[in-house]
Amino acid sequence: MLSFAHFWLLLLAPLPWLVWRFAPSRAPSRVAVCVPFGHRLEQALASGPLSPKTGGRRLGMLWPMLVWLFVLLALARPQWIEPPIEKMVPTRDLLLLVDLSGSMDQQDFTNSEGKTVSRLEAVKEILGDFLEKRKGDRVALVVFGNSPFLQAPFSTDLSLSRELLDETAVGMAGPKTALGDAIGLGIHLFEESEAPARTIIALTDGNDTKSQVPPVEAARIASDRGIRIHTVAIGDPTTAGEDKLDRETLDQVAQSANGKSFFAADRDELVGIYDELDRIETREVKTISHRPRHDIFHLPLLAALLTSTMSRLISIRSARMVETHRRPLRVHPATGELELS
């Protein structure tokens, strides 16, 4: 779309005509020769190539007018505006904590095709679908076992987060569970976050057996810093020993950090949990728009230059034609009148 940064300058277009029309004309001083046959000289010139009927005077006025208009267009700073470019501004930072302890290898879940898969494979599939709905959020991924590790930093590239999630494997962070330390790493990651909403979703199938900081204490620190935590417990609640599912602790973690606690014993329940989380974690998508502008004032300037050059060439050509066809005046020997020779 064409626009002008200084459109008001185009109002000066009739300025030369106003000056010509209303400004007093300058009376040049000329040397004149008075001859008794002036009217006959005028008649002779009227039929020659210098006659004003040729329209040369009008054409001579047209060129300066065009140059003036082109210069005004350049001064008005014409700009070509491109279609708007829109960008979503993240309004939430979402951190996903995924348990990779040895118990996540239990084959007690099913995939979308109904085949029996491990808990981690079911989590990858469902959590991946959940990621695709997080447009407008910055998402990070932390995996934990004996210790927590940053798998994917905060980014709006959700496809990258899902790809890095798919590359995880059971036991790659150790066989135990350090949920409290994972929450502590998440708190550290949020220190540089400027998003108005900050959320952690922690998924585990066992109790905390390795953390240096108790999960509930870490959740209280997160709450003090404005971080909300939702917990998702999966697996068999009847399991005993180190792989026991400590739902009580997970409930306390969520309660301490103003979140909710969920439990899923199979794939359908896990899908329902992430659907519920998507409804809970509603997000306001903020977009900014920018329309690139390109100055094109050089085009009318080029047109003014070409017009001025063309008018000069035509003027030179006309002068040469007049010089070629010019015939001197002589006095007719019989009548004594002036005529073109």
Protein backbone atom coordinates (compact mmCIF):
# COMPACT_ATOMS: atom_id res chain seq x y z
CA MET A 1 0.00 0.00 0.00
CA LEU A 2 1.27 3.46 -0.95
CA SER A 3 1.46 6.11 1.76
CA PHE A 4 3.06 9.54 2.25
CA ALA A 5 4.89 10.55 5.41
CA HIS A 6 4.34 14.27 4.66
CA PHE A 7 1.14 14.25 2.66
CA TRP A 8 0.45 17.94 3.39
CA LEU A 9 3.32 18.96 1.07
CA LEU A 10 1.16 17.96 -1.90
CA LEU A 11 -1.03 20.97 -1.12
CA LEU A 12 1.79 23.12 -2.53
CA ALA A 13 1.16 21.79 -6.06
CA PRO A 14 -0.65 24.97 -7.28
CA LEU A 15 2.02 27.29 -5.79
CA PRO A 16 3.76 28.11 -9.14
CA TRP A 17 0.42 29.00 -10.75
CA LEU A 18 -0.49 31.23 -7.80
CA VAL A 19 2.83 33.05 -8.07
CA TRP A 20 2.37 33.51 -11.83
CA ARG A 21 -1.23 34.63 -11.38
CA PHE A 22 -0.99 37.04 -8.46
CA ALA A 23 2.64 38.12 -8.09
CA PRO A 24 3.52 41.33 -9.96
CA SER A 25 5.41 40.63 -13.13
CA ARG A 26 8.85 42.06 -13.61
CA ALA A 27 9.12 44.55 -16.45
CA PRO A 28 12.43 43.92 -18.16
CA SER A 29 14.20 46.81 -19.84
CA ARG A 30 14.75 46.10 -23.52
CA VAL A 31 16.20 48.02 -26.42
CA ALA A 32 13.57 48.46 -29.10
CA VAL A 33 13.89 49.53 -32.71
CA CYS A 34 11.00 51.40 -34.19
CA VAL A 35 10.34 50.66 -37.85
CA PRO A 36 7.46 51.87 -40.02
CA PHE A 37 6.77 48.34 -41.29
CA GLY A 38 6.32 46.65 -37.94
CA HIS A 39 2.82 45.35 -38.69
CA ARG A 40 4.04 43.76 -41.90
CA LEU A 41 6.91 42.13 -40.04
CA GLU A 42 4.43 40.69 -37.56
CA GLN A 43 2.33 39.24 -40.37
CA ALA A 44 5.36 37.64 -41.97
CA LEU A 45 6.48 36.01 -38.75
CA ALA A 46 2.96 34.71 -38.02
CA SER A 47 3.18 32.28 -40.92
CA GLY A 48 6.68 31.04 -40.10
CA PRO A 49 8.03 28.35 -37.79
CA LEU A 50 8.26 30.83 -34.89
CA SER A 51 4.48 31.29 -34.83
CA PRO A 52 2.92 30.83 -31.36
CA LYS A 53 0.24 28.71 -33.03
CA THR A 54 2.70 25.82 -33.06
CA GLY A 55 2.01 25.27 -29.37
CA GLY A 56 5.68 25.50 -28.40
CA ARG A 57 4.93 27.90 -25.58
CA ARG A 58 2.36 25.60 -23.97
CA LEU A 59 4.65 22.61 -24.29
CA GLY A 60 7.46 24.64 -22.75
CA MET A 61 5.30 25.33 -19.68
CA LEU A 62 4.31 21.69 -19.31
CA TRP A 63 7.83 20.42 -18.54
CA PRO A 64 8.51 22.67 -15.50
CA MET A 65 5.07 21.81 -14.13
CA LEU A 66 5.83 18.08 -14.33
CA VAL A 67 9.25 18.56 -12.69
CA TRP A 68 7.63 20.57 -9.87
CA LEU A 69 5.03 17.86 -9.23
CA PHE A 70 7.63 15.07 -9.19
CA VAL A 71 9.83 17.03 -6.76
CA LEU A 72 6.81 17.58 -4.49
CA LEU A 73 6.06 13.86 -4.55
CA ALA A 74 9.64 13.12 -3.47
CA LEU A 75 9.49 15.70 -0.66
CA ALA A 76 6.21 14.16 0.58
CA ARG A 77 8.30 10.99 1.23
CA PRO A 78 6.30 8.24 -0.47
CA GLN A 79 6.50 4.88 1.28
CA TRP A 80 5.43 1.40 0.31
CA ILE A 81 3.84 -0.37 3.30
CA GLU A 82 4.12 -4.16 3.34
CA PRO A 83 1.40 -6.46 4.74
CA PRO A 84 1.46 -6.64 8.56
CA ILE A 85 3.82 -9.08 10.27
CA GLU A 86 2.31 -10.47 13.46
CA LYS A 87 4.18 -12.09 16.32
CA MET A 88 2.80 -13.70 19.43
CA VAL A 89 4.26 -12.45 22.70
CA PRO A 90 4.53 -15.22 25.32
CA THR A 91 2.28 -14.56 28.32
CA ARG A 92 3.23 -17.70 30.29
CA ASP A 93 6.33 -19.74 31.00
CA LEU A 94 5.45 -23.41 31.42
CA LEU A 95 7.95 -25.90 32.84
CA LEU A 96 7.34 -29.64 32.46
CA LEU A 97 9.01 -32.00 34.96
CA VAL A 98 9.10 -35.60 33.69
CA ASP A 99 10.15 -38.55 35.84
CA LEU A 100 12.63 -40.92 34.12
CA SER A 101 13.18 -43.27 37.07
CA GLY A 102 13.33 -47.02 36.50
CA SER A 103 9.66 -47.57 37.37
CA MET A 104 8.61 -45.54 34.29
CA ASP A 105 9.54 -48.62 32.24
CA GLN A 106 6.52 -50.58 33.58
CA GLN A 107 4.35 -51.90 30.71
CA ASP A 108 0.93 -51.05 32.18
CA PHE A 109 -0.30 -48.29 29.82
CA THR A 110 -1.65 -48.35 26.27
CA ASN A 111 -1.05 -46.05 23.31
CA SER A 112 -3.62 -44.55 20.93
CA GLU A 113 -3.66 -47.80 18.94
CA GLY A 114 -4.48 -49.90 22.03
CA LYS A 115 -1.06 -51.55 22.23
CA THR A 116 0.58 -52.04 25.63
CA VAL A 117 3.47 -49.62 26.15
CA SER A 118 5.57 -48.34 29.00
CA ARG A 119 4.46 -45.47 31.20
CA LEU A 120 7.06 -43.17 29.63
CA GLU A 121 5.92 -43.96 26.09
CA ALA A 122 2.33 -43.13 27.05
CA VAL A 123 3.49 -39.91 28.69
CA LYS A 124 5.46 -38.92 25.57
CA GLU A 125 2.41 -39.40 23.36
CA ILE A 126 -0.08 -37.57 25.58
CA LEU A 127 2.29 -34.85 26.73
CA GLY A 128 3.32 -34.25 23.11
CA ASP A 129 -0.31 -33.62 22.15
CA PHE A 130 -0.61 -31.30 25.13
CA LEU A 131 2.44 -29.32 23.93
CA GLU A 132 0.84 -28.66 20.55
CA LYS A 133 -1.96 -26.76 22.32
CA ARG A 134 0.43 -24.42 24.14
CA LYS A 135 0.82 -21.87 21.36
CA GLY A 136 1.58 -18.50 22.91
CA ASP A 137 3.52 -20.06 25.81
CA ARG A 138 7.22 -20.55 26.35
CA VAL A 139 7.80 -24.17 27.32
CA ALA A 140 10.80 -25.82 28.97
CA LEU A 141 11.45 -29.45 29.81
CA VAL A 142 13.32 -30.87 32.84
CA VAL A 143 13.84 -34.62 33.31
CA PHE A 144 14.79 -36.09 36.65
CA GLY A 145 15.95 -39.33 38.19
CA ASN A 146 18.82 -39.29 40.66
CA SER A 147 19.25 -35.63 39.69
CA PRO A 148 17.34 -33.14 37.55
CA PHE A 149 18.62 -32.16 34.10
CA LEU A 150 17.49 -29.43 31.73
CA GLN A 151 16.38 -31.17 28.54
CA ALA A 152 14.91 -28.15 26.72
CA PRO A 153 15.21 -24.46 27.74
CA PHE A 154 12.30 -22.04 27.60
CA SER A 155 11.29 -21.56 24.00
CA THR A 156 8.25 -20.89 21.84
CA ASP A 157 9.47 -23.60 19.46
CA LEU A 158 7.04 -26.28 20.61
CA SER A 159 8.11 -28.73 17.93
CA LEU A 160 11.65 -28.64 19.31
CA SER A 161 10.38 -29.28 22.84
CA ARG A 162 8.39 -32.26 21.62
CA GLU A 163 11.35 -33.63 19.68
CA LEU A 164 13.58 -33.41 22.76
CA LEU A 165 10.83 -35.07 24.81
CA ASP A 166 10.72 -37.97 22.34
CA GLU A 167 14.49 -38.44 22.75
CA THR A 168 14.23 -39.16 26.48
CA ALA A 169 14.60 -42.69 27.80
CA VAL A 170 14.04 -44.46 31.11
CA GLY A 171 17.08 -44.36 33.38
CA MET A 172 18.99 -41.67 31.46
CA ALA A 173 18.89 -39.46 34.61
CA GLY A 174 19.34 -42.34 37.09
CA PRO A 175 17.01 -44.99 38.56
CA LYS A 176 15.79 -43.04 41.60
CA THR A 177 13.41 -40.05 41.99
CA ALA A 178 14.50 -36.55 42.98
CA LEU A 179 11.31 -34.53 42.62
CA GLY A 180 12.28 -31.89 45.19
CA ASP A 181 15.56 -31.14 43.40
CA ALA A 182 13.69 -30.95 40.08
CA ILE A 183 11.37 -28.31 41.54
CA GLY A 184 14.44 -26.46 42.85
CA LEU A 185 15.98 -26.44 39.36
CA GLY A 186 12.69 -25.15 38.01
CA ILE A 187 12.71 -22.27 40.51
CA HIS A 188 16.22 -21.37 39.34
CA LEU A 189 15.12 -21.42 35.69
CA PHE A 190 12.28 -19.02 36.44
CA GLU A 191 14.65 -16.42 37.92
CA GLU A 192 15.18 -14.83 34.51
CA SER A 193 11.56 -15.18 33.46
CA GLU A 194 9.58 -11.97 32.87
CA ALA A 195 6.31 -13.72 31.98
CA PRO A 196 3.27 -12.66 34.04
CA ALA A 197 2.28 -16.33 34.60
CA ARG A 198 4.71 -19.09 35.60
CA THR A 199 3.61 -22.71 35.96
CA ILE A 200 5.22 -26.09 36.68
CA ILE A 201 3.58 -29.40 35.78
CA ALA A 202 5.34 -32.27 37.54
CA LEU A 203 4.74 -35.87 36.46
CA THR A 204 6.01 -38.83 38.47
CA ASP A 205 5.12 -42.44 39.31
CA GLY A 206 7.05 -42.83 42.57
CA ASN A 207 7.99 -41.21 45.83
CA ASP A 208 10.94 -38.88 46.38
CA THR A 209 13.96 -40.99 47.33
CA LYS A 210 16.96 -38.86 46.34
CA SER A 211 16.24 -35.13 46.78
CA GLN A 212 18.35 -32.92 49.01
CA VAL A 213 15.38 -30.54 49.36
CA PRO A 214 12.01 -32.05 50.35
CA PRO A 215 9.39 -31.56 47.60
CA VAL A 216 6.93 -29.76 49.89
CA GLU A 217 9.60 -27.30 51.05
CA ALA A 218 10.60 -26.64 47.44
CA ALA A 219 6.93 -26.07 46.56
CA ARG A 220 6.60 -23.45 49.32
CA ILE A 221 9.61 -21.58 47.95
CA ALA A 222 8.07 -21.72 44.48
CA SER A 223 4.80 -20.31 45.82
CA ASP A 224 6.65 -17.42 47.46
CA ARG A 225 8.09 -16.55 44.05
CA GLY A 226 4.76 -16.64 42.27
CA ILE A 227 5.15 -20.08 40.68
CA ARG A 228 2.18 -22.44 40.51
CA ILE A 229 2.72 -26.22 40.57
CA HIS A 230 0.36 -28.93 39.32
CA THR A 231 1.26 -32.54 40.09
CA VAL A 232 0.31 -35.60 38.04
CA ALA A 233 0.73 -39.03 39.62
CA ILE A 234 0.59 -42.10 37.37
CA GLY A 235 0.93 -45.83 37.84
CA ASP A 236 -0.20 -48.36 40.44
CA PRO A 237 -1.11 -46.87 43.85
CA THR A 238 -0.66 -50.29 45.51
CA THR A 239 3.06 -50.45 44.75
CA ALA A 240 5.29 -50.73 47.83
CA GLY A 241 8.94 -50.01 48.54
CA GLU A 242 10.98 -47.31 46.81
CA ASP A 243 8.60 -47.33 43.83
CA LYS A 244 5.62 -46.57 46.07
CA LEU A 245 3.39 -43.79 44.70
CA ASP A 246 3.40 -41.10 47.39
CA ARG A 247 0.14 -39.32 46.51
CA GLU A 248 0.01 -37.58 49.87
CA THR A 249 3.26 -35.72 49.20
CA LEU A 250 2.17 -34.82 45.68
CA ASP A 251 -1.10 -33.43 47.05
CA GLN A 252 0.81 -31.30 49.56
CA VAL A 253 3.15 -30.03 46.81
CA ALA A 254 0.23 -28.89 44.67
CA GLN A 255 -1.60 -27.38 47.63
CA SER A 256 1.50 -25.49 48.80
CA ALA A 257 2.04 -23.98 45.34
CA ASN A 258 -1.61 -23.03 44.58
CA GLY A 259 -2.01 -25.85 42.08
CA LYS A 260 -4.00 -29.04 41.68
CA SER A 261 -3.09 -32.68 42.13
CA PHE A 262 -4.18 -35.42 39.71
CA PHE A 263 -3.91 -39.19 39.53
CA ALA A 264 -4.05 -41.39 36.43
CA ALA A 265 -4.04 -45.16 36.53
CA ASP A 266 -4.34 -45.62 32.76
CA ARG A 267 -4.06 -43.78 29.47
CA ASP A 268 -7.66 -42.50 29.37
CA GLU A 269 -7.33 -40.90 32.79
CA LEU A 270 -4.00 -39.35 31.80
CA VAL A 271 -5.59 -37.84 28.67
CA GLY A 272 -8.39 -36.42 30.79
CA ILE A 273 -5.88 -34.87 33.19
CA TYR A 274 -4.05 -32.97 30.47
CA ASP A 275 -7.36 -31.84 28.99
CA GLU A 276 -8.27 -30.51 32.44
CA LEU A 277 -4.88 -28.82 32.74
CA ASP A 278 -5.43 -27.16 29.38
CA ARG A 279 -8.72 -25.75 30.68
CA ILE A 280 -7.19 -24.65 33.98
CA GLU A 281 -4.15 -23.04 32.44
CA THR A 282 -6.09 -20.72 30.15
CA ARG A 283 -3.86 -18.24 28.39
CA GLU A 284 -4.33 -14.84 26.89
CA VAL A 285 -2.53 -14.72 23.57
CA LYS A 286 -0.91 -11.34 23.02
CA THR A 287 0.19 -10.41 19.53
CA ILE A 288 2.22 -7.48 18.23
CA SER A 289 1.97 -6.28 14.66
CA HIS A 290 4.50 -4.49 12.50
CA ARG A 291 4.16 -3.24 8.93
CA PRO A 292 7.53 -2.76 7.19
CA ARG A 293 7.89 0.56 5.36
CA HIS A 294 10.17 1.14 2.38
CA ASP A 295 10.98 4.67 1.20
CA ILE A 296 10.56 5.11 -2.56
CA PHE A 297 11.20 8.86 -2.86
CA HIS A 298 13.99 8.08 -5.33
CA LEU A 299 11.42 7.11 -7.98
CA PRO A 300 9.75 10.56 -8.31
CA LEU A 301 13.21 12.15 -8.11
CA LEU A 302 14.32 9.98 -11.02
CA ALA A 303 11.15 10.94 -12.91
CA ALA A 304 11.90 14.65 -12.29
CA LEU A 305 15.44 14.22 -13.57
CA LEU A 306 14.31 12.38 -16.70
CA THR A 307 11.58 14.96 -17.36
CA SER A 308 14.03 17.85 -17.02
CA THR A 309 16.52 16.12 -19.31
CA MET A 310 13.84 15.37 -21.89
CA SER A 311 12.59 18.96 -21.88
CA ARG A 312 16.15 20.19 -22.43
CA LEU A 313 16.71 17.80 -25.34
CA ILE A 314 13.42 18.83 -26.97
CA SER A 315 14.33 22.49 -26.52
CA ILE A 316 17.70 21.96 -28.21
CA ARG A 317 16.09 20.00 -31.04
CA SER A 318 13.45 22.70 -31.60
CA ALA A 319 16.12 25.40 -31.70
CA ARG A 320 18.04 23.47 -34.34
CA MET A 321 14.90 23.02 -36.44
CA VAL A 322 14.17 26.73 -36.25
CA GLU A 323 17.73 27.51 -37.28
CA THR A 324 17.46 25.14 -40.22
CA HIS A 325 14.17 26.53 -41.52
CA ARG A 326 14.90 30.16 -40.79
CA ARG A 327 14.62 32.35 -43.92
CA PRO A 328 15.83 35.96 -43.98
CA LEU A 329 13.49 38.85 -44.71
CA ARG A 330 13.85 40.84 -47.92
CA VAL A 331 12.11 43.74 -49.59
CA HIS A 332 10.09 42.88 -52.66
CA PRO A 333 11.63 44.87 -55.57
CA ALA A 334 8.28 45.56 -57.18
CA THR A 335 6.01 46.34 -54.26
CA GLY A 336 8.58 47.32 -51.66
CA GLU A 337 6.91 45.03 -49.06
CA LEU A 338 8.72 42.68 -46.63
CA GLU A 339 8.61 38.98 -47.37
CA LEU A 340 10.40 35.78 -46.41
CA SER A 341 13.08 34.83 -48.90
